[in-house]
C-alpha atoms as a PDB file:
ATOM      1  CA  MET A   1     101.866  85.958 108.793  1.00  0.00           C
ATOM      2  CA  TYR A   2     103.577  85.795 105.389  1.00  0.00           C
ATOM      3  CA  ILE A   3     104.259  89.523 105.557  1.00  0.00           C
ATOM      4  CA  LEU A   4     105.886  89.078 108.961  1.00  0.00           C
ATOM      5  CA  GLU A   5     108.114  86.283 107.665  1.00  0.00           C
ATOM      6  CA  THR A   6     109.132  88.481 104.728  1.00  0.00           C
ATOM      7  CA  ILE A   7     110.033  91.325 107.087  1.00  0.00           C
ATOM      8  CA  HIS A   8     111.876  88.778 109.259  1.00  0.00           C
ATOM      9  CA  HIS A   9     114.070  87.902 106.278  1.00  0.00           C
ATOM     10  CA  GLU A  10     114.688  91.587 105.506  1.00  0.00           C
ATOM     11  CA  TRP A  11     115.943  92.511 108.970  1.00  0.00           C
ATOM     12  CA  THR A  12     118.202  89.456 109.150  1.00  0.00           C
ATOM     13  CA  VAL A  13     119.865  90.318 105.838  1.00  0.00           C
ATOM     14  CA  ALA A  14     120.146  94.009 106.743  1.00  0.00           C
ATOM     15  CA  LEU A  15     121.819  93.258 110.077  1.00  0.00           C
ATOM     16  CA  CYS A  16     124.399  90.917 108.548  1.00  0.00           C
ATOM     17  CA  ALA A  17     125.122  93.516 105.858  1.00  0.00           C
ATOM     18  CA  GLY A  18     125.769  96.189 108.490  1.00  0.00           C
ATOM     19  CA  GLU A  19     122.726  98.190 107.362  1.00  0.00           C
ATOM     20  CA  LEU A  20     121.710  98.870 110.947  1.00  0.00           C
ATOM     21  CA  GLU A  21     119.249 101.695 110.392  1.00  0.00           C
ATOM     22  CA  SER A  22     117.384  99.587 107.846  1.00  0.00           C
ATOM     23  CA  ALA A  23     117.504  96.540 110.127  1.00  0.00           C
ATOM     24  CA  GLN A  24     116.029  98.510 113.009  1.00  0.00           C
ATOM     25  CA  SER A  25     113.270  99.882 110.778  1.00  0.00           C
ATOM     26  CA  HIS A  26     112.326  96.375 109.593  1.00  0.00           C
ATOM     27  CA  ILE A  27     112.375  95.018 113.158  1.00  0.00           C
ATOM     28  CA  GLU A  28     110.175  97.822 114.474  1.00  0.00           C
ATOM     29  CA  ARG A  29     107.740  97.299 111.593  1.00  0.00           C
ATOM     30  CA  GLY A  30     107.639  93.537 112.120  1.00  0.00           C
ATOM     31  CA  LEU A  31     107.171  93.719 115.882  1.00  0.00           C
ATOM     32  CA  ALA A  32     104.432  96.342 115.526  1.00  0.00           C
ATOM     33  CA  LEU A  33     102.613  94.049 113.087  1.00  0.00           C
ATOM     34  CA  TYR A  34     102.951  91.110 115.457  1.00  0.00           C
ATOM     35  CA  GLU A  35     101.893  92.964 118.607  1.00  0.00           C
ATOM     36  CA  THR A  36      98.890  94.692 117.027  1.00  0.00           C
ATOM     37  CA  GLN A  37      97.551  91.985 114.711  1.00  0.00           C
ATOM     38  CA  LEU A  38      99.196  88.586 115.124  1.00  0.00           C
ATOM     39  CA  ARG A  39      99.917  87.982 118.810  1.00  0.00           C
ATOM     40  CA  SER A  40      96.814  85.805 119.237  1.00  0.00           C
ATOM     41  CA  VAL A  41      97.142  84.093 115.852  1.00  0.00           C
ATOM     42  CA  PRO A  42      98.920  80.701 115.795  1.00  0.00           C
ATOM     43  CA  PHE A  43     100.893  80.105 112.625  1.00  0.00           C
ATOM     44  CA  PRO A  44     103.496  77.626 111.382  1.00  0.00           C
ATOM     45  CA  LEU A  45     107.169  78.498 111.668  1.00  0.00           C
ATOM     46  CA  TYR A  46     109.098  78.717 108.435  1.00  0.00           C
ATOM     47  CA  THR A  47     112.541  79.440 109.886  1.00  0.00           C
ATOM     48  CA  ALA A  48     112.643  77.075 112.907  1.00  0.00           C
ATOM     49  CA  HIS A  49     112.167  79.921 115.378  1.00  0.00           C
ATOM     50  CA  HIS A  50     109.347  82.416 115.900  1.00  0.00           C
ATOM     51  CA  PRO A  51     109.847  85.649 113.909  1.00  0.00           C
ATOM     52  CA  ALA A  52     108.746  87.894 116.792  1.00  0.00           C
ATOM     53  CA  VAL A  53     111.200  86.181 119.169  1.00  0.00           C
ATOM     54  CA  CYS A  54     113.848  86.816 116.515  1.00  0.00           C
ATOM     55  CA  GLY A  55     112.716  90.434 116.236  1.00  0.00           C
ATOM     56  CA  TYR A  56     113.333  91.019 119.922  1.00  0.00           C
ATOM     57  CA  GLY A  57     116.583  89.011 119.912  1.00  0.00           C
ATOM     58  CA  GLU A  58     118.123  90.576 116.824  1.00  0.00           C
ATOM     59  CA  GLY A  59     116.600  93.878 117.864  1.00  0.00           C
ATOM     60  CA  ALA A  60     118.790  93.628 120.965  1.00  0.00           C
ATOM     61  CA  HIS A  61     121.881  93.259 118.760  1.00  0.00           C
ATOM     62  CA  VAL A  62     120.912  96.188 116.538  1.00  0.00           C
ATOM     63  CA  LEU A  63     120.048  98.445 119.474  1.00  0.00           C
ATOM     64  CA  TRP A  64     123.371  97.774 121.163  1.00  0.00           C
ATOM     65  CA  LEU A  65     125.318  98.340 117.975  1.00  0.00           C
ATOM     66  CA  ARG A  66     123.466 101.622 117.439  1.00  0.00           C
ATOM     67  CA  GLY A  67     124.288 102.826 120.949  1.00  0.00           C
ATOM     68  CA  TYR A  68     121.323 101.881 123.131  1.00  0.00           C
ATOM     69  CA  PRO A  69     122.578  99.295 125.657  1.00  0.00           C
ATOM     70  CA  ASP A  70     119.661  99.580 128.101  1.00  0.00           C
ATOM     71  CA  ALA A  71     117.089  99.119 125.343  1.00  0.00           C
ATOM     72  CA  ALA A  72     119.151  96.196 124.029  1.00  0.00           C
ATOM     73  CA  ARG A  73     118.976  94.434 127.399  1.00  0.00           C
ATOM     74  CA  ARG A  74     115.205  94.936 127.512  1.00  0.00           C
ATOM     75  CA  HIS A  75     114.794  93.446 124.037  1.00  0.00           C
ATOM     76  CA  ALA A  76     116.933  90.424 124.955  1.00  0.00           C
ATOM     77  CA  ASN A  77     114.747  89.811 128.008  1.00  0.00           C
ATOM     78  CA  GLN A  78     111.589  90.208 125.906  1.00  0.00           C
ATOM     79  CA  ALA A  79     112.853  87.595 123.434  1.00  0.00           C
ATOM     80  CA  VAL A  80     113.223  85.030 126.215  1.00  0.00           C
ATOM     81  CA  SER A  81     109.899  86.003 127.842  1.00  0.00           C
ATOM     82  CA  LEU A  82     107.983  85.738 124.568  1.00  0.00           C
ATOM     83  CA  ALA A  83     109.475  82.335 123.754  1.00  0.00           C
ATOM     84  CA  LYS A  84     108.420  81.061 127.180  1.00  0.00           C
ATOM     85  CA  GLU A  85     104.956  82.572 126.757  1.00  0.00           C
ATOM     86  CA  LEU A  86     104.569  80.824 123.390  1.00  0.00           C
ATOM     87  CA  GLY A  87     105.783  77.540 124.865  1.00  0.00           C
ATOM     88  CA  ASP A  88     108.151  77.176 121.920  1.00  0.00           C
ATOM     89  CA  VAL A  89     111.319  75.468 123.166  1.00  0.00           C
ATOM     90  CA  VAL A  90     113.248  75.900 119.906  1.00  0.00           C
ATOM     91  CA  SER A  91     112.542  79.647 119.928  1.00  0.00           C
ATOM     92  CA  LEU A  92     113.604  79.731 123.588  1.00  0.00           C
ATOM     93  CA  VAL A  93     116.953  78.159 122.719  1.00  0.00           C
ATOM     94  CA  TRP A  94     117.348  80.690 119.912  1.00  0.00           C
ATOM     95  CA  ALA A  95     116.454  83.580 122.288  1.00  0.00           C
ATOM     96  CA  LEU A  96     119.035  82.393 124.822  1.00  0.00           C
ATOM     97  CA  GLY A  97     121.599  82.263 122.030  1.00  0.00           C
ATOM     98  CA  ALA A  98     120.754  85.822 121.036  1.00  0.00           C
ATOM     99  CA  GLY A  99     121.256  86.895 124.644  1.00  0.00           C
ATOM    100  CA  VAL A 100     124.616  85.129 124.736  1.00  0.00           C
ATOM    101  CA  ASN A 101     125.783  87.168 121.739  1.00  0.00           C
ATOM    102  CA  LEU A 102     124.446  90.419 123.184  1.00  0.00           C
ATOM    103  CA  TYR A 103     126.313  90.083 126.471  1.00  0.00           C
ATOM    104  CA  GLN A 104     129.478  89.161 124.605  1.00  0.00           C
ATOM    105  CA  PHE A 105     129.014  92.281 122.458  1.00  0.00           C
ATOM    106  CA  MET A 106     128.792  94.277 125.685  1.00  0.00           C
ATOM    107  CA  ARG A 107     131.819  92.496 127.217  1.00  0.00           C
ATOM    108  CA  GLU A 108     129.730  91.585 130.259  1.00  0.00           C
ATOM    109  CA  ARG A 109     131.500  88.320 131.040  1.00  0.00           C
ATOM    110  CA  GLN A 110     129.429  87.185 133.997  1.00  0.00           C
ATOM    111  CA  SER A 111     126.095  87.779 132.256  1.00  0.00           C
ATOM    112  CA  ALA A 112     127.444  86.148 129.088  1.00  0.00           C
ATOM    113  CA  LEU A 113     128.624  83.139 131.095  1.00  0.00           C
ATOM    114  CA  GLU A 114     125.268  82.690 132.840  1.00  0.00           C
ATOM    115  CA  MET A 115     123.342  83.032 129.582  1.00  0.00           C
ATOM    116  CA  ALA A 116     125.761  80.695 127.789  1.00  0.00           C
ATOM    117  CA  GLU A 117     125.323  77.988 130.419  1.00  0.00           C
ATOM    118  CA  ALA A 118     121.524  78.252 130.121  1.00  0.00           C
ATOM    119  CA  ALA A 119     121.752  78.158 126.321  1.00  0.00           C
ATOM    120  CA  ILE A 120     124.106  75.156 126.342  1.00  0.00           C
ATOM    121  CA  SER A 121     121.815  73.218 128.672  1.00  0.00           C
ATOM    122  CA  LYS A 122     118.720  73.819 126.537  1.00  0.00           C
ATOM    123  CA  ALA A 123     120.573  73.321 123.238  1.00  0.00           C
ATOM    124  CA  GLU A 124     121.941  69.962 124.393  1.00  0.00           C
ATOM    125  CA  GLU A 125     118.443  68.923 125.421  1.00  0.00           C
ATOM    126  CA  MET A 126     116.993  69.911 122.037  1.00  0.00           C
ATOM    127  CA  GLY A 127     119.940  68.940 119.848  1.00  0.00           C
ATOM    128  CA  PHE A 128     120.247  72.538 118.619  1.00  0.00           C
ATOM    129  CA  LEU A 129     123.875  72.281 117.498  1.00  0.00           C
ATOM    130  CA  TYR A 130     124.334  75.855 116.260  1.00  0.00           C
ATOM    131  CA  VAL A 131     123.349  77.448 119.580  1.00  0.00           C
ATOM    132  CA  LEU A 132     125.284  74.741 121.432  1.00  0.00           C
ATOM    133  CA  ARG A 133     128.487  75.689 119.589  1.00  0.00           C
ATOM    134  CA  ILE A 134     127.900  79.413 120.039  1.00  0.00           C
ATOM    135  CA  GLY A 135     127.203  78.904 123.735  1.00  0.00           C
ATOM    136  CA  ARG A 136     130.453  76.978 124.160  1.00  0.00           C
ATOM    137  CA  ILE A 137     132.446  79.597 122.233  1.00  0.00           C
ATOM    138  CA  VAL A 138     131.122  82.430 124.382  1.00  0.00           C
ATOM    139  CA  LYS A 139     131.520  80.429 127.584  1.00  0.00           C
ATOM    140  CA  SER A 140     135.195  79.908 126.686  1.00  0.00           C
ATOM    141  CA  TRP A 141     135.560  83.624 126.015  1.00  0.00           C
ATOM    142  CA  ALA A 142     133.838  84.549 129.284  1.00  0.00           C
ATOM    143  CA  LEU A 143     136.088  82.284 131.382  1.00  0.00           C
ATOM    144  CA  ALA A 144     139.373  83.348 129.748  1.00  0.00           C
ATOM    145  CA  LYS A 145     141.848  85.397 131.787  1.00  0.00           C
ATOM    146  CA  PRO A 146     144.770  87.543 130.550  1.00  0.00           C
ATOM    147  CA  GLY A 147     147.793  85.310 130.104  1.00  0.00           C
ATOM    148  CA  HIS A 148     145.679  82.186 130.617  1.00  0.00           C
ATOM    149  CA  ALA A 149     143.571  82.004 127.476  1.00  0.00           C
ATOM    150  CA  ASP A 150     145.171  79.054 125.662  1.00  0.00           C
ATOM    151  CA  ASP A 151     142.378  76.636 126.583  1.00  0.00           C
ATOM    152  CA  ALA A 152     139.774  79.129 125.375  1.00  0.00           C
ATOM    153  CA  VAL A 153     141.641  79.571 122.082  1.00  0.00           C
ATOM    154  CA  ALA A 154     141.654  75.814 121.559  1.00  0.00           C
ATOM    155  CA  LEU A 155     137.931  75.488 122.339  1.00  0.00           C
ATOM    156  CA  ILE A 156     137.004  78.356 120.008  1.00  0.00           C
ATOM    157  CA  ASN A 157     139.136  76.879 117.230  1.00  0.00           C
ATOM    158  CA  GLU A 158     137.256  73.614 117.759  1.00  0.00           C
ATOM    159  CA  GLY A 159     133.875  75.383 117.718  1.00  0.00           C
ATOM    160  CA  ASN A 160     134.643  77.357 114.570  1.00  0.00           C
ATOM    161  CA  ALA A 161     135.909  74.203 112.834  1.00  0.00           C
ATOM    162  CA  ALA A 162     132.730  72.327 113.770  1.00  0.00           C
ATOM    163  CA  LEU A 163     130.514  75.115 112.452  1.00  0.00           C
ATOM    164  CA  SER A 164     132.511  75.329 109.217  1.00  0.00           C
ATOM    165  CA  ALA A 165     132.349  71.549 108.773  1.00  0.00           C
ATOM    166  CA  ALA A 166     128.573  71.794 109.078  1.00  0.00           C
ATOM    167  CA  ARG A 167     128.655  74.615 106.504  1.00  0.00           C
ATOM    168  CA  VAL A 168     127.292  77.061 109.078  1.00  0.00           C
ATOM    169  CA  GLU A 169     129.023  80.314 108.217  1.00  0.00           C
ATOM    170  CA  VAL A 170     126.549  82.793 109.712  1.00  0.00           C
ATOM    171  CA  TRP A 171     128.435  85.098 112.094  1.00  0.00           C
ATOM    172  CA  LEU A 172     131.715  83.334 111.329  1.00  0.00           C
ATOM    173  CA  THR A 173     133.391  86.736 110.943  1.00  0.00           C
ATOM    174  CA  HIS A 174     132.322  87.563 114.508  1.00  0.00           C
ATOM    175  CA  ASN A 175     133.581  84.222 115.821  1.00  0.00           C
ATOM    176  CA  LEU A 176     136.951  84.735 114.120  1.00  0.00           C
ATOM    177  CA  ALA A 177     137.189  88.173 115.742  1.00  0.00           C
ATOM    178  CA  THR A 178     136.488  86.525 119.109  1.00  0.00           C
ATOM    179  CA  LEU A 179     139.309  84.085 118.403  1.00  0.00           C
ATOM    180  CA  ALA A 180     141.664  86.953 117.515  1.00  0.00           C
ATOM    181  CA  ASP A 181     140.712  88.820 120.704  1.00  0.00           C
ATOM    182  CA  LEU A 182     141.523  85.758 122.810  1.00  0.00           C
ATOM    183  CA  CYS A 183     144.785  85.204 120.928  1.00  0.00           C
ATOM    184  CA  ALA A 184     145.772  88.739 121.968  1.00  0.00           C
ATOM    185  CA  MET A 185     144.913  87.833 125.567  1.00  0.00           C
ATOM    186  CA  ALA A 186     147.027  84.665 125.314  1.00  0.00           C
ATOM    187  CA  GLY A 187     149.965  86.479 123.728  1.00  0.00           C
ATOM    188  CA  ARG A 188     149.550  84.519 120.487  1.00  0.00           C
ATOM    189  CA  ILE A 189     149.801  87.587 118.294  1.00  0.00           C
ATOM    190  CA  GLU A 190     150.622  85.997 114.929  1.00  0.00           C
ATOM    191  CA  GLU A 191     147.767  83.523 115.314  1.00  0.00           C
ATOM    192  CA  GLY A 192     145.450  86.412 116.171  1.00  0.00           C
ATOM    193  CA  LEU A 193     146.467  88.318 113.053  1.00  0.00           C
ATOM    194  CA  GLU A 194     145.855  85.182 110.981  1.00  0.00           C
ATOM    195  CA  ALA A 195     142.332  84.986 112.425  1.00  0.00           C
ATOM    196  CA  ILE A 196     141.764  88.638 111.523  1.00  0.00           C
ATOM    197  CA  ALA A 197     142.995  88.052 107.972  1.00  0.00           C
ATOM    198  CA  GLU A 198     140.601  85.093 107.677  1.00  0.00           C
ATOM    199  CA  ALA A 199     137.730  87.206 109.072  1.00  0.00           C
ATOM    200  CA  LEU A 200     138.381  89.928 106.504  1.00  0.00           C
ATOM    201  CA  HIS A 201     138.574  87.326 103.721  1.00  0.00           C
ATOM    202  CA  ARG A 202     135.252  85.808 104.815  1.00  0.00           C
ATOM    203  CA  LEU A 203     133.744  89.279 105.068  1.00  0.00           C
ATOM    204  CA  GLU A 204     134.743  90.081 101.503  1.00  0.00           C
ATOM    205  CA  GLN A 205     133.307  86.780 100.264  1.00  0.00           C
ATOM    206  CA  SER A 206     130.015  86.844 102.154  1.00  0.00           C
ATOM    207  CA  GLY A 207     129.282  90.536 102.704  1.00  0.00           C
ATOM    208  CA  GLU A 208     128.687  89.835 106.410  1.00  0.00           C
ATOM    209  CA  CYS A 209     130.111  93.095 107.704  1.00  0.00           C
ATOM    210  CA  PHE A 210     128.173  94.075 110.839  1.00  0.00           C
ATOM    211  CA  TRP A 211     131.304  93.368 112.951  1.00  0.00           C
ATOM    212  CA  GLU A 212     133.801  94.855 110.485  1.00  0.00           C
ATOM    213  CA  ALA A 213     134.639  97.892 112.604  1.00  0.00           C
ATOM    214  CA  GLU A 214     135.527  95.699 115.578  1.00  0.00           C
ATOM    215  CA  ILE A 215     137.614  93.407 113.371  1.00  0.00           C
ATOM    216  CA  TYR A 216     139.767  96.376 112.338  1.00  0.00           C
ATOM    217  CA  ARG A 217     139.979  97.636 115.921  1.00  0.00           C
ATOM    218  CA  ILE A 218     141.199  94.231 117.147  1.00  0.00           C
ATOM    219  CA  ARG A 219     143.668  94.188 114.247  1.00  0.00           C
ATOM    220  CA  GLY A 220     145.090  97.474 115.527  1.00  0.00           C
ATOM    221  CA  GLU A 221     145.395  96.150 119.085  1.00  0.00           C
ATOM    222  CA  LEU A 222     147.214  93.055 117.827  1.00  0.00           C
ATOM    223  CA  LEU A 223     149.605  95.085 115.696  1.00  0.00           C
ATOM    224  CA  LEU A 224     150.421  97.265 118.700  1.00  0.00           C
ATOM    225  CA  LYS A 225     151.192  94.186 120.799  1.00  0.00           C
ATOM    226  CA  GLN A 226     153.285  92.798 117.961  1.00  0.00           C
ATOM    227  CA  ASN A 227     155.568  95.813 117.807  1.00  0.00           C
ATOM    228  CA  GLU A 228     155.303  99.306 119.296  1.00  0.00           C
ATOM    229  CA  SER A 229     156.894 100.669 116.120  1.00  0.00           C
ATOM    230  CA  ASN A 230     153.709  99.723 114.237  1.00  0.00           C
ATOM    231  CA  ARG A 231     151.983 102.834 115.581  1.00  0.00           C
ATOM    232  CA  ASP A 232     151.199 104.343 112.159  1.00  0.00           C
ATOM    233  CA  GLU A 233     149.580 101.114 110.967  1.00  0.00           C
ATOM    234  CA  VAL A 234     147.817 100.721 114.301  1.00  0.00           C
ATOM    235  CA  ARG A 235     146.421 104.225 114.039  1.00  0.00           C
ATOM    236  CA  ALA A 236     145.256 103.557 110.473  1.00  0.00           C
ATOM    237  CA  SER A 237     143.389 100.433 111.661  1.00  0.00           C
ATOM    238  CA  PHE A 238     141.659 102.344 114.468  1.00  0.00           C
ATOM    239  CA  GLU A 239     140.736 105.225 112.169  1.00  0.00           C
ATOM    240  CA  HIS A 240     139.362 102.812 109.567  1.00  0.00           C
ATOM    241  CA  ALA A 241     137.307 101.122 112.291  1.00  0.00           C
ATOM    242  CA  ILE A 242     135.849 104.496 113.256  1.00  0.00           C
ATOM    243  CA  GLN A 243     134.984 105.307 109.637  1.00  0.00           C
ATOM    244  CA  ILE A 244     133.208 101.973 109.172  1.00  0.00           C
ATOM    245  CA  ALA A 245     131.289 102.337 112.431  1.00  0.00           C
ATOM    246  CA  ARG A 246     130.134 105.821 111.462  1.00  0.00           C
ATOM    247  CA  ALA A 247     129.010 104.638 108.028  1.00  0.00           C
ATOM    248  CA  GLN A 248     126.979 101.857 109.663  1.00  0.00           C
ATOM    249  CA  THR A 249     125.646 104.086 112.504  1.00  0.00           C
ATOM    250  CA  ALA A 250     127.270 101.603 114.906  1.00  0.00           C
ATOM    251  CA  LYS A 251     127.779 104.055 117.767  1.00  0.00           C
ATOM    252  CA  SER A 252     128.928 101.425 120.273  1.00  0.00           C
ATOM    253  CA  LEU A 253     131.673 100.227 117.937  1.00  0.00           C
ATOM    254  CA  GLU A 254     132.579 103.825 117.105  1.00  0.00           C
ATOM    255  CA  LEU A 255     133.012 104.525 120.833  1.00  0.00           C
ATOM    256  CA  ARG A 256     135.160 101.418 121.305  1.00  0.00           C
ATOM    257  CA  ALA A 257     137.422 102.236 118.341  1.00  0.00           C
ATOM    258  CA  THR A 258     137.689 105.894 119.356  1.00  0.00           C
ATOM    259  CA  THR A 259     138.711 104.840 122.866  1.00  0.00           C
ATOM    260  CA  SER A 260     141.444 102.633 121.391  1.00  0.00           C
ATOM    261  CA  LEU A 261     142.670 105.513 119.223  1.00  0.00           C
ATOM    262  CA  ALA A 262     142.575 107.980 122.126  1.00  0.00           C
ATOM    263  CA  ARG A 263     144.598 105.577 124.259  1.00  0.00           C
ATOM    264  CA  LEU A 264     147.172 105.327 121.464  1.00  0.00           C
ATOM    265  CA  LEU A 265     147.443 109.123 121.205  1.00  0.00           C
ATOM    266  CA  ARG A 266     147.255 110.065 124.902  1.00  0.00           C
ATOM    267  CA  ASP A 267     151.020 110.402 125.333  1.00  0.00           C
ATOM    268  CA  THR A 268     151.441 112.663 122.306  1.00  0.00           C
ATOM    269  CA  ASN A 269     151.279 116.440 122.122  1.00  0.00           C
ATOM    270  CA  ARG A 270     147.683 116.154 120.864  1.00  0.00           C
ATOM    271  CA  ARG A 271     146.006 115.444 124.214  1.00  0.00           C
ATOM    272  CA  ARG A 272     143.458 118.266 123.881  1.00  0.00           C
ATOM    273  CA  GLU A 273     142.444 117.193 120.375  1.00  0.00           C
ATOM    274  CA  THR A 274     142.362 113.564 121.494  1.00  0.00           C
ATOM    275  CA  ARG A 275     140.123 114.341 124.460  1.00  0.00           C
ATOM    276  CA  ALA A 276     137.750 116.387 122.278  1.00  0.00           C
ATOM    277  CA  MET A 277     137.478 113.471 119.826  1.00  0.00           C
ATOM    278  CA  LEU A 278     136.601 111.022 122.604  1.00  0.00           C
ATOM    279  CA  ALA A 279     134.294 113.482 124.373  1.00  0.00           C
ATOM    280  CA  ASP A 280     132.321 113.977 121.172  1.00  0.00           C
ATOM    281  CA  ILE A 281     131.316 110.311 120.790  1.00  0.00           C
ATOM    282  CA  TYR A 282     130.942 109.779 124.553  1.00  0.00           C
ATOM    283  CA  GLY A 283     128.603 112.769 124.735  1.00  0.00           C
ATOM    284  CA  TRP A 284     126.327 111.233 122.119  1.00  0.00           C
ATOM    285  CA  PHE A 285     125.211 108.478 124.519  1.00  0.00           C
ATOM    286  CA  THR A 286     122.117 108.901 126.676  1.00  0.00           C
ATOM    287  CA  GLU A 287     122.080 105.492 128.417  1.00  0.00           C
ATOM    288  CA  GLY A 288     124.245 102.538 129.347  1.00  0.00           C
ATOM    289  CA  PHE A 289     126.657 104.444 131.568  1.00  0.00           C
ATOM    290  CA  ASP A 290     127.147 101.325 133.699  1.00  0.00           C
ATOM    291  CA  THR A 291     128.545  99.411 130.703  1.00  0.00           C
ATOM    292  CA  HIS A 292     132.184  98.504 130.289  1.00  0.00           C
ATOM    293  CA  ASP A 293     132.744 100.596 127.158  1.00  0.00           C
ATOM    294  CA  LEU A 294     131.255 103.808 128.536  1.00  0.00           C
ATOM    295  CA  GLN A 295     133.049 103.414 131.871  1.00  0.00           C
ATOM    296  CA  GLU A 296     136.344 102.805 130.073  1.00  0.00           C
ATOM    297  CA  ALA A 297     135.823 105.872 127.882  1.00  0.00           C
ATOM    298  CA  LYS A 298     134.905 108.030 130.912  1.00  0.00           C
ATOM    299  CA  ALA A 299     138.026 106.933 132.799  1.00  0.00           C
ATOM    300  CA  LEU A 300     140.198 107.857 129.806  1.00  0.00           C
ATOM    301  CA  LEU A 301     138.432 111.224 129.457  1.00  0.00           C
ATOM    302  CA  ASP A 302     139.212 111.965 133.103  1.00  0.00           C
ATOM    303  CA  GLU A 303     142.829 110.942 132.530  1.00  0.00           C
ATOM    304  CA  LEU A 304     143.078 113.320 129.559  1.00  0.00           C
ATOM    305  CA  GLU A 305     141.597 116.225 131.554  1.00  0.00           C
ATOM    306  CA  PRO A 306     143.997 119.187 131.283  1.00  0.00           C
END
C-alpha cells in the first residue's frame, strides 16, 4: 500500500509538470499493482481519496491529453464505478470532479454540465470545497453562450478568488485559461489577455505546465480578436502552442493548436501546405472521431481540399 501511495504521488507530480508519458507510465504501474495485489486489501487513505480512484481519474486526463479520448472516457467512468464499489463518498466526489475536468477538456458542454451538477450536489453534501468550486466553475463555462458570457466570467472570477484565498493553487493555470476563454466569448479581450498573463506568471512560478499549450493557443485567439493586424504575433502563439504540445506528447492539444493555425492560414497562398500540416496530426488519431476537436479539424480539412 505504501508503494501505491508513492506511485500515486509520482503520477500527480508528473501530470502537473506536463510529463505525460511519465505520468501514464506511473498510472499504469499503480493500477496494475492495485488490480493484481491490493483490490481486496483495505488500507487507510493518506491523501483523502483512494489512490486507485485517482489513477483512473487522472488517467482519464492523461489519456485525453495524449490523444485517446475514448480510453479517457472509459477511465473516467471506472473512477466513479470504483469509488461507488468501495463505498468511499470522498473518493466519489473526487472522481466526479475528475470527470468534470475531463469533459471540459473535451469541450463536451452537456456532459460537463451533467457531471458538474452531480459533483456540486455531492460536494455540498460532504463539504468538499475544492470540488464544489471546480464544479461551479465548469458549470458556468458549460452554460455560457457566445456574446452572453458575462455572468460566467463573474462566477469564475469568484471561484478562482475563493480558491486562491484558501491557498488552493492546484490547476489554477487551467482555471485562468478557462476564464480567458470565456472573456473571449464575452468580448472582454483585454481582461482575457490579463488572465493569460496571470496564467503564464503562475506557470513560471509553480511549474504547473500541463495546460501550457492551450494557454498559448487561447492567447493567440484573443490577440486575433483584439486586432486582425496582430496576425504575426497570433501565428507565433499558435506555433509555440504546437511546439509545447509536441514536447509534452499532448496530441489533443497539438491538434487543437494546429487547427487554430490552419484556420489562420487558410486564406493565404499556402493552402496546400496548411492542409498537409493539419492532415498530419489528424491522421495520427485512431479514436475519438465523434469529439468536437476531431470533427472541427475534419471540417477544416474538407474546406481546404483542393
